C-alpha cells in the first residue's frame, strides 16, 4: 500500500503503544492523521486524536512554559494549546489548525499546526526506521516525505519543555 491519503470508511485504529509496535516490527496498516508543521509533513496515530479544529482564539496564559501558546475554549472546556515546533525541529507560522490529542494521563491537549491533510491508511512495511529515535518512529520515503511520530512523546515534549523518549 502506498503512503498516500485515502478515504476509508473502516478505520484501523491503534493506540500509541500499537503504533510504536507497528513501527518497531514494520508491519500492519494503521490509520494516521497527517498534518503539516513548518513546511514538513508529520503523522500520528489517529486513535489518540480527539478532533482537529480551526484555530480560534488562543488566550495567553501568564508564566506558562515556552511551548504553551495559551488556552482555547473547545466544546465548553478550556484546553491548553502548545506549539509542537521546537519538539519537531520546525518553525510553525500559520497555525491554522489545532490537533486535540490526549497525553499519557488522558488530558486533552491542543497542538497548533500549520494544517491538517487528513487521515491515511499507512502500511508500516514502507516505514524506514533507520533514523528512528526519541519521538520519531520513522520516515516514509514514498511520495513526499512523511515523518511518523509518537503522539504521546510529542505531547509530553510540548507540555514539559523537553523531548521524552518512549519504549
Protein backbone atom coordinates (compact mmCIF):
# COMPACT_ATOMS: atom_id res chain seq x y z
CA UNK A 1 0.00 0.00 0.00
CA UNK A 2 1.38 3.42 -0.86
CA UNK A 3 1.75 6.19 1.67
CA UNK A 4 -0.98 8.40 0.24
CA UNK A 5 -4.13 9.83 1.72
CA UNK A 6 -7.04 7.53 1.04
CA UNK A 7 -10.66 7.81 2.10
CA UNK A 8 -11.53 4.97 4.39
CA UNK A 9 -14.82 4.01 5.98
CA UNK A 10 -13.43 1.46 8.43
CA UNK A 11 -10.60 2.98 10.41
CA UNK A 12 -7.91 0.67 11.66
CA UNK A 13 -7.16 2.32 14.97
CA UNK A 14 -4.27 1.64 17.28
CA UNK A 15 -3.31 3.40 20.49
CA UNK A 16 0.12 4.99 20.81
CA UNK A 17 1.64 1.71 22.01
CA UNK A 18 0.16 -0.08 18.98
CA UNK A 19 1.66 2.50 16.63
CA UNK A 20 5.07 2.16 18.31
CA UNK A 21 4.84 -1.63 18.00
CA UNK A 22 3.84 -1.44 14.31
CA UNK A 23 6.82 0.84 13.67
CA UNK A 24 9.19 -1.45 15.57
CA UNK A 25 8.03 -4.54 13.69
CA UNK A 26 7.45 -2.66 10.41
CA UNK A 27 4.16 -4.49 9.93
CA UNK A 28 0.50 -3.61 9.92
CA UNK A 29 -1.77 -0.99 8.39
CA UNK A 30 -2.92 1.71 10.80
CA UNK A 31 -4.81 4.95 10.25
CA UNK A 32 -2.70 8.03 10.87
CA UNK A 33 -3.58 11.72 10.96
CA UNK A 34 -1.30 13.66 8.62
CA UNK A 35 -0.52 17.29 9.42
CA UNK A 36 1.88 19.98 8.27
CA UNK A 37 4.19 21.89 10.55
CA UNK A 38 6.92 24.22 9.35
CA UNK A 39 6.55 23.03 5.76
CA UNK A 40 7.14 19.40 6.73
CA UNK A 41 4.63 16.52 6.85
CA UNK A 42 4.11 14.54 10.04
CA UNK A 43 1.74 11.75 11.04
CA UNK A 44 0.43 10.45 14.36
CA UNK A 45 -1.84 7.57 15.31
CA UNK A 46 -5.46 8.56 14.80
CA UNK A 47 -6.71 6.77 17.92
CA UNK A 48 -5.01 9.36 20.17
CA UNK A 49 -6.60 12.30 18.33
CA UNK A 50 -9.98 13.53 19.57
CA UNK A 51 -10.53 16.07 16.82
CA UNK A 52 -8.95 18.64 14.52
CA UNK A 53 -10.43 22.14 14.60
CA UNK A 54 -9.77 25.52 13.05
CA UNK A 55 -7.64 27.69 15.28
CA UNK A 56 -9.87 30.09 17.15
CA UNK A 57 -8.96 32.47 19.92
CA UNK A 58 -5.99 31.40 22.00
CA UNK A 59 -5.67 33.33 25.25
CA UNK A 60 -2.13 33.67 26.57
CA UNK A 61 -1.55 32.17 29.99
CA UNK A 62 0.89 34.03 32.29
CA UNK A 63 4.10 32.30 33.38
CA UNK A 64 3.45 29.32 31.12
CA UNK A 65 6.08 27.06 29.53
CA UNK A 66 7.71 28.48 26.39
CA UNK A 67 5.88 25.95 24.22
CA UNK A 68 2.45 26.88 25.61
CA UNK A 69 0.61 29.35 23.40
CA UNK A 70 -2.27 29.68 25.85
CA UNK A 71 -5.71 28.18 26.32
CA UNK A 72 -8.62 27.85 23.94
CA UNK A 73 -12.25 27.11 24.66
CA UNK A 74 -13.09 23.90 22.85
CA UNK A 75 -16.60 22.48 23.24
CA UNK A 76 -17.11 24.30 26.54
CA UNK A 77 -13.80 23.30 28.12
CA UNK A 78 -10.55 25.24 28.40
CA UNK A 79 -7.84 23.25 26.64
CA UNK A 80 -4.14 24.19 26.83
CA UNK A 81 -2.66 24.80 23.37
CA UNK A 82 1.01 24.21 22.65
CA UNK A 83 3.30 24.62 19.67
CA UNK A 84 4.98 21.34 18.69
CA UNK A 85 7.52 23.27 16.60
CA UNK A 86 10.51 23.07 18.98
CA UNK A 87 9.93 19.35 19.64
CA UNK A 88 9.67 18.64 15.91
CA UNK A 89 12.57 20.93 15.00
CA UNK A 90 10.49 23.23 12.78
CA UNK A 91 9.13 26.78 12.88
CA UNK A 92 5.34 26.80 12.77
CA UNK A 93 3.98 30.05 11.36
CA UNK A 94 0.41 29.65 10.07
CA UNK A 95 -1.17 27.68 12.95
CA UNK A 96 -4.43 27.20 11.00
CA UNK A 97 -5.46 24.03 12.86
CA UNK A 98 -5.42 22.64 16.37
CA UNK A 99 -4.98 18.89 16.75
CA UNK A 100 -6.71 17.95 20.01
CA UNK A 101 -4.96 14.87 21.36
CA UNK A 102 -4.69 13.00 24.63
CA UNK A 103 -1.47 12.55 26.55
CA UNK A 104 -0.49 9.50 28.58
CA UNK A 105 -2.51 10.78 31.52
CA UNK A 106 -5.64 11.20 29.38
CA UNK A 107 -5.64 15.01 29.49
CA UNK A 108 -6.77 16.81 26.34
CA UNK A 109 -4.08 19.00 24.81
CA UNK A 110 -4.18 21.15 21.69
CA UNK A 111 -1.25 21.17 19.29
CA UNK A 112 -1.25 24.18 16.95
CA UNK A 113 -0.10 23.08 13.48
CA UNK A 114 0.02 24.76 10.08
CA UNK A 115 -2.60 22.48 8.53
CA UNK A 116 -4.16 19.03 8.69
CA UNK A 117 -4.18 17.00 5.47
CA UNK A 118 -6.45 14.19 6.64
CA UNK A 119 -6.39 10.52 7.51
CA UNK A 120 -4.33 7.92 5.70
CA UNK A 121 -4.22 4.15 5.99
CA UNK A 122 -0.46 3.72 6.42
CA UNK A 123 1.34 0.46 5.70
CA UNK A 124 4.17 0.25 8.23
CA UNK A 125 6.10 -2.07 5.93
CA UNK A 126 7.03 1.09 3.97
CA UNK A 127 8.45 2.83 7.07
CA UNK A 128 12.19 3.47 7.10
CA UNK A 129 13.24 3.19 10.75
CA UNK A 130 16.99 3.80 10.26
CA UNK A 131 16.67 7.34 11.66
CA UNK A 132 14.17 6.43 14.39
CA UNK A 133 14.98 7.97 17.76
CA UNK A 134 13.05 9.67 20.53
CA UNK A 135 9.61 10.56 19.26
CA UNK A 136 10.50 9.88 15.61
CA UNK A 137 9.30 6.37 14.76
CA UNK A 138 10.47 6.52 11.16
CA UNK A 139 10.22 8.18 7.75
CA UNK A 140 8.16 7.13 4.77
CA UNK A 141 10.13 7.78 1.57
CA UNK A 142 7.16 7.18 -0.75
CA UNK A 143 5.68 10.28 -2.33
CA UNK A 144 6.62 13.36 -0.35
CA UNK A 145 8.47 12.58 2.87
CA UNK A 146 6.34 11.82 5.90
CA UNK A 147 7.73 11.62 9.44
CA UNK A 148 5.74 9.27 11.70
CA UNK A 149 5.95 10.45 15.30
CA UNK A 150 4.83 9.06 18.65
CA UNK A 151 1.91 11.24 19.77
CA UNK A 152 2.45 10.53 23.47
CA UNK A 153 6.10 11.57 23.27
CA UNK A 154 5.17 14.67 21.24
CA UNK A 155 2.54 15.76 23.78
CA UNK A 156 4.99 15.10 26.63
CA UNK A 157 7.71 17.14 24.90
CA UNK A 158 5.33 20.05 24.37
CA UNK A 159 3.93 20.04 27.89
CA UNK A 160 7.22 19.61 29.74
CA UNK A 161 9.52 21.68 27.52
CA UNK A 162 11.71 18.65 26.90
CA UNK A 163 11.78 15.76 24.47
CA UNK A 164 10.74 12.46 26.03
CA UNK A 165 11.52 9.01 24.68
CA UNK A 166 9.02 6.18 24.83
CA UNK A 167 9.64 2.48 24.80
